[in-house]
Amino acid sequence: MKLEPASSATGVQHDLATQEVSARHLRYFLPAIPTGLIQTPEYMRQVMTRTSASAVGDTERVIAQKLERQAVLDDLDKRFEFLLTESAIRWQLCDSAVMARQIEHLVALSHRPNVDLRVLPLSVRVSEAPFNTFTVYDTTMTTLEVFTGRVVLRDAAGVQHYGRLFDYFAEHACVDDAARELLGDWLAVLQS
């Protein structure tokens, strides 16, 4: 296990793009915020300029890089699983209109043939605690995001552990129409 300190925001985007292009099956566990791969530009901008995780440097360049990365979602040979907690979706990090557009975007993504979008509501009882964001790339690597960088696991036992943890949360999450119904309910609240 190795902590890779946070590098420049543009360097992080390059590293992520490289990993996303090379992997065939990507699983994202998102307990606090949607990953940049599924964010709208407005959501990116507000999160990057209003939180302590703000990018140092050229925000518009980082947003452009994140949007370029999103093209990987068009590769139908890849499978993407996004598992978001209710908190990741509803945490009011942005204006209501931006939050509403972000939810609409998630609903649209959930209809893609290579995307499995799941939502873990706060009302579902789970015995594991969703401590941090992690991504499982195929069966070869897992990254865990922390405030000051990311932990990279390449050992089989570590990658398998996070694969099982992802599966556990996925079993308790809403998927397809049930997930879209929850998203629709939360969207209606934002639009009222």
N, C-alpha and C. Protein backbone atom coordinates (compact mmCIF):
# COMPACT_ATOMS: atom_id res chain seq x y z
N MET A 1 0.86 -1.16 0.00
CA MET A 1 0.00 0.00 0.00
C MET A 1 0.91 1.23 0.00
N LYS A 2 0.51 2.19 -0.82
CA LYS A 2 1.36 3.37 -0.97
C LYS A 2 0.48 4.61 -1.09
N LEU A 3 0.79 5.64 -0.32
CA LEU A 3 0.09 6.91 -0.45
C LEU A 3 0.81 7.72 -1.51
N GLU A 4 0.07 8.06 -2.55
CA GLU A 4 0.60 8.95 -3.58
C GLU A 4 0.12 10.34 -3.25
N PRO A 5 1.01 11.25 -2.88
CA PRO A 5 0.58 12.61 -2.53
C PRO A 5 -0.15 13.26 -3.70
N ALA A 6 -1.05 14.17 -3.36
CA ALA A 6 -1.79 14.89 -4.40
C ALA A 6 -0.81 15.66 -5.26
N SER A 7 -0.92 15.47 -6.55
CA SER A 7 -0.08 16.23 -7.47
C SER A 7 -0.91 17.39 -8.01
N SER A 8 -0.43 18.02 -9.04
CA SER A 8 -1.21 19.11 -9.62
C SER A 8 -2.53 18.57 -10.13
N ALA A 9 -3.52 19.44 -10.17
CA ALA A 9 -4.85 19.02 -10.62
C ALA A 9 -4.80 18.49 -12.05
N THR A 10 -3.99 19.10 -12.89
CA THR A 10 -3.90 18.62 -14.28
C THR A 10 -3.19 17.27 -14.33
N GLY A 11 -2.22 17.07 -13.46
CA GLY A 11 -1.52 15.78 -13.39
C GLY A 11 -2.45 14.67 -12.94
N VAL A 12 -3.30 14.97 -11.97
CA VAL A 12 -4.29 14.00 -11.50
C VAL A 12 -5.21 13.60 -12.65
N GLN A 13 -5.68 14.58 -13.42
CA GLN A 13 -6.58 14.29 -14.54
C GLN A 13 -5.91 13.39 -15.57
N HIS A 14 -4.64 13.64 -15.84
CA HIS A 14 -3.90 12.80 -16.78
C HIS A 14 -3.79 11.37 -16.26
N ASP A 15 -3.45 11.21 -14.98
CA ASP A 15 -3.32 9.88 -14.37
C ASP A 15 -4.64 9.13 -14.43
N LEU A 16 -5.72 9.82 -14.08
CA LEU A 16 -7.04 9.18 -14.10
C LEU A 16 -7.42 8.75 -15.52
N ALA A 17 -7.19 9.62 -16.49
CA ALA A 17 -7.52 9.30 -17.88
C ALA A 17 -6.76 8.06 -18.34
N THR A 18 -5.50 7.95 -17.97
CA THR A 18 -4.69 6.79 -18.34
C THR A 18 -5.28 5.51 -17.76
N GLN A 19 -5.65 5.56 -16.49
CA GLN A 19 -6.22 4.37 -15.84
C GLN A 19 -7.58 4.02 -16.45
N GLU A 20 -8.39 5.02 -16.74
CA GLU A 20 -9.73 4.77 -17.29
C GLU A 20 -9.67 4.19 -18.69
N VAL A 21 -8.70 4.63 -19.48
CA VAL A 21 -8.57 4.12 -20.84
C VAL A 21 -8.08 2.67 -20.84
N SER A 22 -7.18 2.33 -19.93
CA SER A 22 -6.60 0.99 -19.95
C SER A 22 -7.49 -0.07 -19.31
N ALA A 23 -8.37 0.30 -18.40
CA ALA A 23 -9.23 -0.68 -17.72
C ALA A 23 -10.45 -1.03 -18.57
N ARG A 24 -10.99 -2.22 -18.38
CA ARG A 24 -12.19 -2.66 -19.09
C ARG A 24 -13.42 -2.60 -18.18
N HIS A 25 -13.22 -2.82 -16.88
CA HIS A 25 -14.33 -2.83 -15.92
C HIS A 25 -13.94 -1.92 -14.76
N LEU A 26 -14.69 -0.84 -14.60
CA LEU A 26 -14.37 0.16 -13.58
C LEU A 26 -15.54 0.26 -12.61
N ARG A 27 -15.23 0.17 -11.32
CA ARG A 27 -16.26 0.25 -10.29
C ARG A 27 -15.91 1.40 -9.33
N TYR A 28 -16.82 2.36 -9.23
CA TYR A 28 -16.61 3.56 -8.43
C TYR A 28 -17.56 3.54 -7.24
N PHE A 29 -17.02 3.56 -6.02
CA PHE A 29 -17.84 3.70 -4.82
C PHE A 29 -17.72 5.14 -4.37
N LEU A 30 -18.84 5.85 -4.33
CA LEU A 30 -18.85 7.30 -4.15
C LEU A 30 -19.75 7.69 -2.97
N PRO A 31 -19.20 7.73 -1.75
CA PRO A 31 -20.02 8.05 -0.59
C PRO A 31 -20.25 9.53 -0.33
N ALA A 32 -19.47 10.42 -0.96
CA ALA A 32 -19.56 11.84 -0.61
C ALA A 32 -19.81 12.76 -1.79
N ILE A 33 -19.40 12.38 -2.99
CA ILE A 33 -19.52 13.27 -4.15
C ILE A 33 -19.41 12.42 -5.42
N PRO A 34 -20.14 12.76 -6.47
CA PRO A 34 -19.95 12.04 -7.74
C PRO A 34 -18.53 12.27 -8.26
N THR A 35 -17.99 11.28 -8.91
CA THR A 35 -16.68 11.43 -9.53
C THR A 35 -16.78 12.37 -10.73
N GLY A 36 -15.66 12.98 -11.10
CA GLY A 36 -15.63 13.90 -12.24
C GLY A 36 -16.11 13.26 -13.53
N LEU A 37 -16.00 11.97 -13.63
CA LEU A 37 -16.42 11.26 -14.83
C LEU A 37 -17.93 11.38 -15.07
N ILE A 38 -18.69 11.67 -14.01
CA ILE A 38 -20.15 11.76 -14.15
C ILE A 38 -20.71 13.11 -13.67
N GLN A 39 -19.85 14.10 -13.56
CA GLN A 39 -20.29 15.43 -13.15
C GLN A 39 -20.62 16.29 -14.37
N THR A 40 -21.58 17.20 -14.19
CA THR A 40 -21.84 18.21 -15.21
C THR A 40 -20.78 19.31 -15.08
N PRO A 41 -20.56 20.09 -16.14
CA PRO A 41 -19.58 21.17 -16.04
C PRO A 41 -19.91 22.18 -14.94
N GLU A 42 -21.19 22.49 -14.77
CA GLU A 42 -21.59 23.46 -13.74
C GLU A 42 -21.30 22.94 -12.34
N TYR A 43 -21.57 21.64 -12.15
CA TYR A 43 -21.30 21.03 -10.85
C TYR A 43 -19.80 21.05 -10.58
N MET A 44 -19.01 20.67 -11.58
CA MET A 44 -17.54 20.71 -11.43
C MET A 44 -17.08 22.09 -11.00
N ARG A 45 -17.55 23.08 -11.73
CA ARG A 45 -17.10 24.45 -11.48
C ARG A 45 -17.43 24.88 -10.06
N GLN A 46 -18.66 24.63 -9.60
CA GLN A 46 -19.01 25.06 -8.26
C GLN A 46 -18.25 24.29 -7.19
N VAL A 47 -18.09 23.00 -7.38
CA VAL A 47 -17.35 22.22 -6.40
C VAL A 47 -15.88 22.64 -6.35
N MET A 48 -15.32 22.88 -7.52
CA MET A 48 -13.90 23.23 -7.58
C MET A 48 -13.61 24.63 -7.05
N THR A 49 -14.57 25.51 -7.08
CA THR A 49 -14.31 26.88 -6.64
C THR A 49 -14.87 27.19 -5.26
N ARG A 50 -15.67 26.30 -4.71
CA ARG A 50 -16.31 26.60 -3.43
C ARG A 50 -15.94 25.68 -2.28
N THR A 51 -15.16 24.64 -2.53
CA THR A 51 -14.83 23.71 -1.45
C THR A 51 -13.33 23.74 -1.16
N SER A 52 -12.94 23.09 -0.07
CA SER A 52 -11.51 23.04 0.28
C SER A 52 -10.74 22.17 -0.71
N ALA A 53 -11.46 21.39 -1.52
CA ALA A 53 -10.79 20.56 -2.53
C ALA A 53 -10.58 21.32 -3.82
N SER A 54 -10.67 22.63 -3.74
CA SER A 54 -10.55 23.45 -4.94
C SER A 54 -9.22 23.22 -5.64
N ALA A 55 -9.29 23.19 -6.95
CA ALA A 55 -8.08 23.00 -7.75
C ALA A 55 -7.20 24.23 -7.64
N VAL A 56 -5.93 23.98 -7.50
CA VAL A 56 -4.97 25.08 -7.50
C VAL A 56 -4.56 25.29 -8.95
N GLY A 57 -4.72 26.48 -9.41
CA GLY A 57 -4.33 26.76 -10.79
C GLY A 57 -5.52 27.07 -11.67
N ASP A 58 -5.46 26.60 -12.88
CA ASP A 58 -6.42 26.93 -13.90
C ASP A 58 -7.66 26.02 -13.82
N THR A 59 -8.69 26.50 -13.16
CA THR A 59 -9.92 25.73 -12.98
C THR A 59 -10.52 25.35 -14.32
N GLU A 60 -10.56 26.26 -15.25
CA GLU A 60 -11.18 25.98 -16.55
C GLU A 60 -10.41 24.88 -17.30
N ARG A 61 -9.10 24.87 -17.17
CA ARG A 61 -8.31 23.82 -17.83
C ARG A 61 -8.61 22.46 -17.21
N VAL A 62 -8.74 22.40 -15.89
CA VAL A 62 -9.04 21.14 -15.22
C VAL A 62 -10.44 20.67 -15.60
N ILE A 63 -11.39 21.59 -15.68
CA ILE A 63 -12.74 21.23 -16.10
C ILE A 63 -12.71 20.67 -17.52
N ALA A 64 -11.97 21.30 -18.40
CA ALA A 64 -11.85 20.81 -19.78
C ALA A 64 -11.26 19.40 -19.80
N GLN A 65 -10.27 19.14 -18.95
CA GLN A 65 -9.67 17.81 -18.89
C GLN A 65 -10.68 16.78 -18.38
N LYS A 66 -11.45 17.16 -17.37
CA LYS A 66 -12.47 16.24 -16.84
C LYS A 66 -13.51 15.93 -17.92
N LEU A 67 -13.91 16.93 -18.66
CA LEU A 67 -14.90 16.72 -19.72
C LEU A 67 -14.32 15.85 -20.83
N GLU A 68 -13.05 16.01 -21.15
CA GLU A 68 -12.40 15.14 -22.14
C GLU A 68 -12.39 13.70 -21.64
N ARG A 69 -12.13 13.51 -20.35
CA ARG A 69 -12.12 12.16 -19.77
C ARG A 69 -13.47 11.48 -19.94
N GLN A 70 -14.55 12.24 -19.93
CA GLN A 70 -15.88 11.65 -20.00
C GLN A 70 -16.13 10.92 -21.32
N ALA A 71 -15.34 11.18 -22.35
CA ALA A 71 -15.50 10.48 -23.62
C ALA A 71 -15.31 8.98 -23.46
N VAL A 72 -14.59 8.55 -22.44
CA VAL A 72 -14.36 7.12 -22.21
C VAL A 72 -15.69 6.39 -21.97
N LEU A 73 -16.70 7.11 -21.51
CA LEU A 73 -18.01 6.50 -21.27
C LEU A 73 -18.67 6.03 -22.57
N ASP A 74 -18.21 6.55 -23.70
CA ASP A 74 -18.76 6.14 -25.00
C ASP A 74 -18.21 4.81 -25.49
N ASP A 75 -17.20 4.29 -24.84
CA ASP A 75 -16.60 3.03 -25.24
C ASP A 75 -17.47 1.88 -24.72
N LEU A 76 -18.24 1.28 -25.60
CA LEU A 76 -19.17 0.23 -25.20
C LEU A 76 -18.49 -1.08 -24.86
N ASP A 77 -17.18 -1.17 -25.08
CA ASP A 77 -16.43 -2.35 -24.67
C ASP A 77 -16.04 -2.28 -23.19
N LYS A 78 -16.30 -1.13 -22.58
CA LYS A 78 -16.01 -0.95 -21.16
C LYS A 78 -17.30 -1.05 -20.35
N ARG A 79 -17.16 -1.49 -19.11
CA ARG A 79 -18.31 -1.54 -18.20
C ARG A 79 -18.00 -0.63 -17.02
N PHE A 80 -18.95 0.28 -16.74
CA PHE A 80 -18.81 1.23 -15.64
C PHE A 80 -19.90 0.96 -14.61
N GLU A 81 -19.49 0.86 -13.36
CA GLU A 81 -20.44 0.75 -12.26
C GLU A 81 -20.19 1.93 -11.32
N PHE A 82 -21.22 2.73 -11.13
CA PHE A 82 -21.15 3.88 -10.23
C PHE A 82 -22.13 3.62 -9.09
N LEU A 83 -21.61 3.55 -7.88
CA LEU A 83 -22.43 3.33 -6.71
C LEU A 83 -22.32 4.57 -5.83
N LEU A 84 -23.40 5.34 -5.80
CA LEU A 84 -23.42 6.60 -5.05
C LEU A 84 -24.32 6.46 -3.83
N THR A 85 -23.87 6.98 -2.72
CA THR A 85 -24.76 7.04 -1.56
C THR A 85 -25.71 8.22 -1.74
N GLU A 86 -26.78 8.20 -0.99
CA GLU A 86 -27.72 9.32 -1.01
C GLU A 86 -27.00 10.62 -0.67
N SER A 87 -26.08 10.56 0.26
CA SER A 87 -25.33 11.77 0.64
C SER A 87 -24.54 12.33 -0.53
N ALA A 88 -23.95 11.46 -1.34
CA ALA A 88 -23.16 11.92 -2.49
C ALA A 88 -24.03 12.67 -3.48
N ILE A 89 -25.28 12.29 -3.57
CA ILE A 89 -26.19 12.91 -4.53
C ILE A 89 -26.86 14.15 -3.96
N ARG A 90 -27.22 14.10 -2.70
CA ARG A 90 -28.06 15.17 -2.13
C ARG A 90 -27.28 16.21 -1.34
N TRP A 91 -26.03 15.96 -1.02
CA TRP A 91 -25.25 16.93 -0.25
C TRP A 91 -25.22 18.23 -1.03
N GLN A 92 -25.72 19.28 -0.45
CA GLN A 92 -25.96 20.55 -1.13
C GLN A 92 -24.65 21.34 -1.28
N LEU A 93 -23.78 20.83 -2.15
CA LEU A 93 -22.51 21.50 -2.41
C LEU A 93 -22.66 22.65 -3.40
N CYS A 94 -23.79 22.68 -4.11
CA CYS A 94 -24.00 23.65 -5.18
C CYS A 94 -25.38 24.28 -5.05
N ASP A 95 -25.63 25.26 -5.90
CA ASP A 95 -26.96 25.85 -5.97
C ASP A 95 -27.97 24.78 -6.36
N SER A 96 -29.22 24.98 -5.98
CA SER A 96 -30.27 23.99 -6.27
C SER A 96 -30.40 23.70 -7.76
N ALA A 97 -30.31 24.71 -8.59
CA ALA A 97 -30.44 24.49 -10.04
C ALA A 97 -29.31 23.62 -10.57
N VAL A 98 -28.11 23.82 -10.06
CA VAL A 98 -26.96 23.01 -10.48
C VAL A 98 -27.12 21.58 -9.96
N MET A 99 -27.58 21.44 -8.73
CA MET A 99 -27.81 20.11 -8.17
C MET A 99 -28.87 19.37 -9.00
N ALA A 100 -29.92 20.09 -9.40
CA ALA A 100 -30.99 19.48 -10.20
C ALA A 100 -30.45 18.99 -11.54
N ARG A 101 -29.64 19.81 -12.21
CA ARG A 101 -29.06 19.39 -13.49
C ARG A 101 -28.13 18.19 -13.30
N GLN A 102 -27.43 18.15 -12.18
CA GLN A 102 -26.54 17.02 -11.90
C GLN A 102 -27.37 15.74 -11.76
N ILE A 103 -28.47 15.80 -11.06
CA ILE A 103 -29.32 14.62 -10.90
C ILE A 103 -29.91 14.20 -12.25
N GLU A 104 -30.35 15.15 -13.05
CA GLU A 104 -30.86 14.83 -14.39
C GLU A 104 -29.78 14.11 -15.21
N HIS A 105 -28.55 14.57 -15.07
CA HIS A 105 -27.43 13.97 -15.78
C HIS A 105 -27.22 12.52 -15.32
N LEU A 106 -27.33 12.27 -14.03
CA LEU A 106 -27.18 10.91 -13.51
C LEU A 106 -28.27 9.99 -14.06
N VAL A 107 -29.50 10.50 -14.14
CA VAL A 107 -30.59 9.71 -14.70
C VAL A 107 -30.28 9.36 -16.16
N ALA A 108 -29.82 10.34 -16.92
CA ALA A 108 -29.48 10.08 -18.32
C ALA A 108 -28.38 9.04 -18.43
N LEU A 109 -27.36 9.14 -17.60
CA LEU A 109 -26.27 8.17 -17.62
C LEU A 109 -26.75 6.76 -17.29
N SER A 110 -27.74 6.66 -16.43
CA SER A 110 -28.23 5.35 -16.00
C SER A 110 -28.88 4.56 -17.14
N HIS A 111 -29.19 5.22 -18.23
CA HIS A 111 -29.79 4.56 -19.39
C HIS A 111 -28.75 4.05 -20.38
N ARG A 112 -27.49 4.39 -20.18
CA ARG A 112 -26.44 3.92 -21.11
C ARG A 112 -26.27 2.41 -20.94
N PRO A 113 -26.04 1.70 -22.05
CA PRO A 113 -25.93 0.24 -21.97
C PRO A 113 -24.70 -0.27 -21.21
N ASN A 114 -23.67 0.53 -21.10
CA ASN A 114 -22.44 0.09 -20.43
C ASN A 114 -22.28 0.71 -19.03
N VAL A 115 -23.36 1.35 -18.54
CA VAL A 115 -23.32 1.99 -17.23
C VAL A 115 -24.34 1.36 -16.30
N ASP A 116 -23.87 0.98 -15.13
CA ASP A 116 -24.73 0.50 -14.05
C ASP A 116 -24.63 1.55 -12.95
N LEU A 117 -25.70 2.32 -12.76
CA LEU A 117 -25.70 3.36 -11.74
C LEU A 117 -26.60 2.91 -10.60
N ARG A 118 -26.05 2.85 -9.42
CA ARG A 118 -26.79 2.40 -8.23
C ARG A 118 -26.77 3.50 -7.18
N VAL A 119 -27.84 3.51 -6.37
CA VAL A 119 -27.99 4.50 -5.32
C VAL A 119 -28.22 3.77 -4.00
N LEU A 120 -27.43 4.11 -3.01
CA LEU A 120 -27.57 3.52 -1.67
C LEU A 120 -28.24 4.56 -0.76
N PRO A 121 -29.56 4.38 -0.51
CA PRO A 121 -30.27 5.36 0.32
C PRO A 121 -29.83 5.30 1.79
N LEU A 122 -29.97 6.41 2.46
CA LEU A 122 -29.63 6.47 3.89
C LEU A 122 -30.52 5.56 4.72
N SER A 123 -31.71 5.25 4.22
CA SER A 123 -32.67 4.42 4.96
C SER A 123 -32.31 2.94 4.94
N VAL A 124 -31.38 2.53 4.10
CA VAL A 124 -30.99 1.12 4.03
C VAL A 124 -29.95 0.83 5.09
N ARG A 125 -30.21 -0.21 5.86
CA ARG A 125 -29.27 -0.58 6.92
C ARG A 125 -28.16 -1.44 6.33
N VAL A 126 -26.94 -1.01 6.57
CA VAL A 126 -25.76 -1.77 6.14
C VAL A 126 -24.84 -1.94 7.34
N SER A 127 -24.10 -3.05 7.34
CA SER A 127 -23.21 -3.31 8.48
C SER A 127 -21.80 -2.77 8.26
N GLU A 128 -21.50 -2.37 7.03
CA GLU A 128 -20.20 -1.77 6.73
C GLU A 128 -20.37 -0.25 6.71
N ALA A 129 -19.32 0.47 7.06
CA ALA A 129 -19.37 1.92 7.01
C ALA A 129 -18.73 2.41 5.71
N PRO A 130 -19.42 3.28 4.98
CA PRO A 130 -18.86 3.80 3.72
C PRO A 130 -17.86 4.91 4.01
N PHE A 131 -16.64 4.55 4.38
CA PHE A 131 -15.65 5.51 4.84
C PHE A 131 -15.11 6.44 3.76
N ASN A 132 -14.78 5.93 2.60
CA ASN A 132 -14.11 6.78 1.62
C ASN A 132 -14.41 6.31 0.20
N THR A 133 -14.14 7.22 -0.72
CA THR A 133 -14.27 6.92 -2.13
C THR A 133 -13.18 5.93 -2.54
N PHE A 134 -13.59 4.95 -3.35
CA PHE A 134 -12.58 4.06 -3.92
C PHE A 134 -13.03 3.64 -5.31
N THR A 135 -12.05 3.27 -6.12
CA THR A 135 -12.30 2.79 -7.48
C THR A 135 -11.53 1.50 -7.68
N VAL A 136 -12.23 0.50 -8.22
CA VAL A 136 -11.61 -0.78 -8.54
C VAL A 136 -11.48 -0.85 -10.07
N TYR A 137 -10.25 -0.98 -10.53
CA TYR A 137 -9.94 -1.08 -11.96
C TYR A 137 -9.70 -2.54 -12.29
N ASP A 138 -10.63 -3.14 -13.05
CA ASP A 138 -10.55 -4.55 -13.39
C ASP A 138 -10.33 -5.34 -12.10
N THR A 139 -9.35 -6.22 -12.09
CA THR A 139 -8.99 -6.96 -10.87
C THR A 139 -7.53 -6.71 -10.53
N THR A 140 -7.00 -5.58 -11.02
CA THR A 140 -5.56 -5.34 -10.90
C THR A 140 -5.18 -4.19 -9.98
N MET A 141 -6.10 -3.25 -9.75
CA MET A 141 -5.72 -2.09 -8.96
C MET A 141 -6.96 -1.47 -8.31
N THR A 142 -6.76 -0.94 -7.13
CA THR A 142 -7.79 -0.16 -6.42
C THR A 142 -7.14 1.12 -5.95
N THR A 143 -7.86 2.23 -6.09
CA THR A 143 -7.39 3.50 -5.53
C THR A 143 -8.40 3.97 -4.49
N LEU A 144 -7.89 4.50 -3.40
CA LEU A 144 -8.70 5.08 -2.34
C LEU A 144 -8.35 6.55 -2.26
N GLU A 145 -9.33 7.40 -2.34
CA GLU A 145 -9.07 8.84 -2.31
C GLU A 145 -9.14 9.36 -0.88
N VAL A 146 -8.13 10.15 -0.53
CA VAL A 146 -8.09 10.84 0.75
C VAL A 146 -7.80 12.31 0.47
N PHE A 147 -7.94 13.16 1.44
CA PHE A 147 -7.78 14.59 1.22
C PHE A 147 -6.41 14.99 0.66
N THR A 148 -5.39 14.27 1.07
CA THR A 148 -4.04 14.69 0.69
C THR A 148 -3.42 13.85 -0.43
N GLY A 149 -4.20 13.00 -1.04
CA GLY A 149 -3.69 12.17 -2.13
C GLY A 149 -4.56 10.95 -2.31
N ARG A 150 -3.91 9.86 -2.72
CA ARG A 150 -4.67 8.62 -2.88
C ARG A 150 -3.76 7.45 -2.53
N VAL A 151 -4.41 6.41 -2.05
CA VAL A 151 -3.72 5.18 -1.74
C VAL A 151 -3.94 4.25 -2.92
N VAL A 152 -2.88 3.65 -3.40
CA VAL A 152 -2.96 2.75 -4.54
C VAL A 152 -2.65 1.33 -4.05
N LEU A 153 -3.57 0.42 -4.33
CA LEU A 153 -3.39 -0.99 -3.98
C LEU A 153 -3.27 -1.80 -5.25
N ARG A 154 -2.22 -2.57 -5.35
CA ARG A 154 -2.03 -3.44 -6.51
C ARG A 154 -1.93 -4.90 -6.10
N ASP A 155 -1.84 -5.16 -4.80
CA ASP A 155 -1.75 -6.55 -4.35
C ASP A 155 -3.14 -7.20 -4.48
N ALA A 156 -3.15 -8.47 -4.85
CA ALA A 156 -4.40 -9.18 -5.13
C ALA A 156 -5.35 -9.15 -3.93
N ALA A 157 -4.83 -9.34 -2.72
CA ALA A 157 -5.69 -9.38 -1.53
C ALA A 157 -6.38 -8.03 -1.32
N GLY A 158 -5.64 -6.94 -1.48
CA GLY A 158 -6.23 -5.61 -1.31
C GLY A 158 -7.28 -5.30 -2.36
N VAL A 159 -6.99 -5.62 -3.61
CA VAL A 159 -7.94 -5.37 -4.70
C VAL A 159 -9.19 -6.21 -4.49
N GLN A 160 -9.02 -7.48 -4.12
CA GLN A 160 -10.17 -8.35 -3.88
C GLN A 160 -11.02 -7.87 -2.72
N HIS A 161 -10.36 -7.37 -1.67
CA HIS A 161 -11.11 -6.85 -0.52
C HIS A 161 -12.05 -5.73 -0.97
N TYR A 162 -11.55 -4.78 -1.74
CA TYR A 162 -12.39 -3.67 -2.17
C TYR A 162 -13.42 -4.11 -3.20
N GLY A 163 -13.11 -5.12 -3.99
CA GLY A 163 -14.10 -5.69 -4.90
C GLY A 163 -15.27 -6.28 -4.12
N ARG A 164 -14.96 -7.02 -3.05
CA ARG A 164 -16.02 -7.59 -2.20
C ARG A 164 -16.81 -6.50 -1.49
N LEU A 165 -16.11 -5.46 -1.02
CA LEU A 165 -16.79 -4.36 -0.35
C LEU A 165 -17.74 -3.65 -1.32
N PHE A 166 -17.28 -3.43 -2.55
CA PHE A 166 -18.14 -2.83 -3.56
C PHE A 166 -19.38 -3.70 -3.78
N ASP A 167 -19.17 -5.00 -3.93
CA ASP A 167 -20.29 -5.92 -4.14
C ASP A 167 -21.28 -5.88 -2.98
N TYR A 168 -20.76 -5.79 -1.75
CA TYR A 168 -21.64 -5.72 -0.58
C TYR A 168 -22.55 -4.50 -0.67
N PHE A 169 -21.98 -3.33 -0.91
CA PHE A 169 -22.80 -2.12 -1.00
C PHE A 169 -23.74 -2.19 -2.20
N ALA A 170 -23.28 -2.75 -3.31
CA ALA A 170 -24.12 -2.85 -4.52
C ALA A 170 -25.35 -3.71 -4.26
N GLU A 171 -25.20 -4.77 -3.45
CA GLU A 171 -26.33 -5.64 -3.12
C GLU A 171 -27.42 -4.89 -2.35
N HIS A 172 -27.05 -3.85 -1.64
CA HIS A 172 -28.00 -3.10 -0.81
C HIS A 172 -28.53 -1.84 -1.51
N ALA A 173 -28.01 -1.56 -2.67
CA ALA A 173 -28.36 -0.31 -3.37
C ALA A 173 -29.51 -0.53 -4.35
N CYS A 174 -30.16 0.56 -4.68
CA CYS A 174 -31.23 0.56 -5.69
C CYS A 174 -30.59 0.69 -7.06
N VAL A 175 -31.17 0.03 -8.05
CA VAL A 175 -30.63 0.03 -9.40
C VAL A 175 -31.77 0.22 -10.40
N ASP A 176 -31.43 0.60 -11.60
CA ASP A 176 -32.37 0.74 -12.72
C ASP A 176 -33.56 1.64 -12.33
N ASP A 177 -34.78 1.16 -12.53
CA ASP A 177 -35.95 2.00 -12.28
C ASP A 177 -36.06 2.45 -10.82
N ALA A 178 -35.67 1.59 -9.88
CA ALA A 178 -35.73 1.96 -8.46
C ALA A 178 -34.77 3.11 -8.17
N ALA A 179 -33.58 3.07 -8.76
CA ALA A 179 -32.62 4.17 -8.57
C ALA A 179 -33.14 5.43 -9.23
N ARG A 180 -33.67 5.29 -10.44
CA ARG A 180 -34.19 6.47 -11.15
C ARG A 180 -35.39 7.08 -10.41
N GLU A 181 -36.19 6.25 -9.77
CA GLU A 181 -37.31 6.78 -8.99
C GLU A 181 -36.82 7.62 -7.81
N LEU A 182 -35.81 7.13 -7.10
CA LEU A 182 -35.22 7.91 -6.01
C LEU A 182 -34.65 9.22 -6.53
N LEU A 183 -33.89 9.14 -7.61
CA LEU A 183 -33.31 10.36 -8.19
C LEU A 183 -34.40 11.33 -8.58
N GLY A 184 -35.49 10.83 -9.15
CA GLY A 184 -36.62 11.68 -9.52
C GLY A 184 -37.26 12.35 -8.32
N ASP A 185 -37.39 11.60 -7.23
CA ASP A 185 -37.96 12.19 -6.00
C ASP A 185 -37.06 13.32 -5.49
N TRP A 186 -35.76 13.10 -5.50
CA TRP A 186 -34.83 14.12 -4.99
C TRP A 186 -34.77 15.31 -5.94
N LEU A 187 -34.90 15.06 -7.22
CA LEU A 187 -34.96 16.13 -8.19
C LEU A 187 -36.20 16.99 -7.96
N ALA A 188 -37.33 16.37 -7.70
CA ALA A 188 -38.57 17.11 -7.46
C ALA A 188 -38.43 18.02 -6.24
N VAL A 189 -37.74 17.56 -5.21
CA VAL A 189 -37.52 18.38 -4.02
C VAL A 189 -36.70 19.62 -4.39
N LEU A 190 -35.67 19.43 -5.19
CA LEU A 190 -34.82 20.56 -5.58
C LEU A 190 -35.58 21.55 -6.47
N GLN A 191 -36.48 21.07 -7.27
CA GLN A 191 -37.21 21.92 -8.19
C GLN A 191 -38.43 22.59 -7.57
N SER A 192 -38.78 22.20 -6.35
CA SER A 192 -39.98 22.79 -5.71
C SER A 192 -39.65 24.09 -4.99
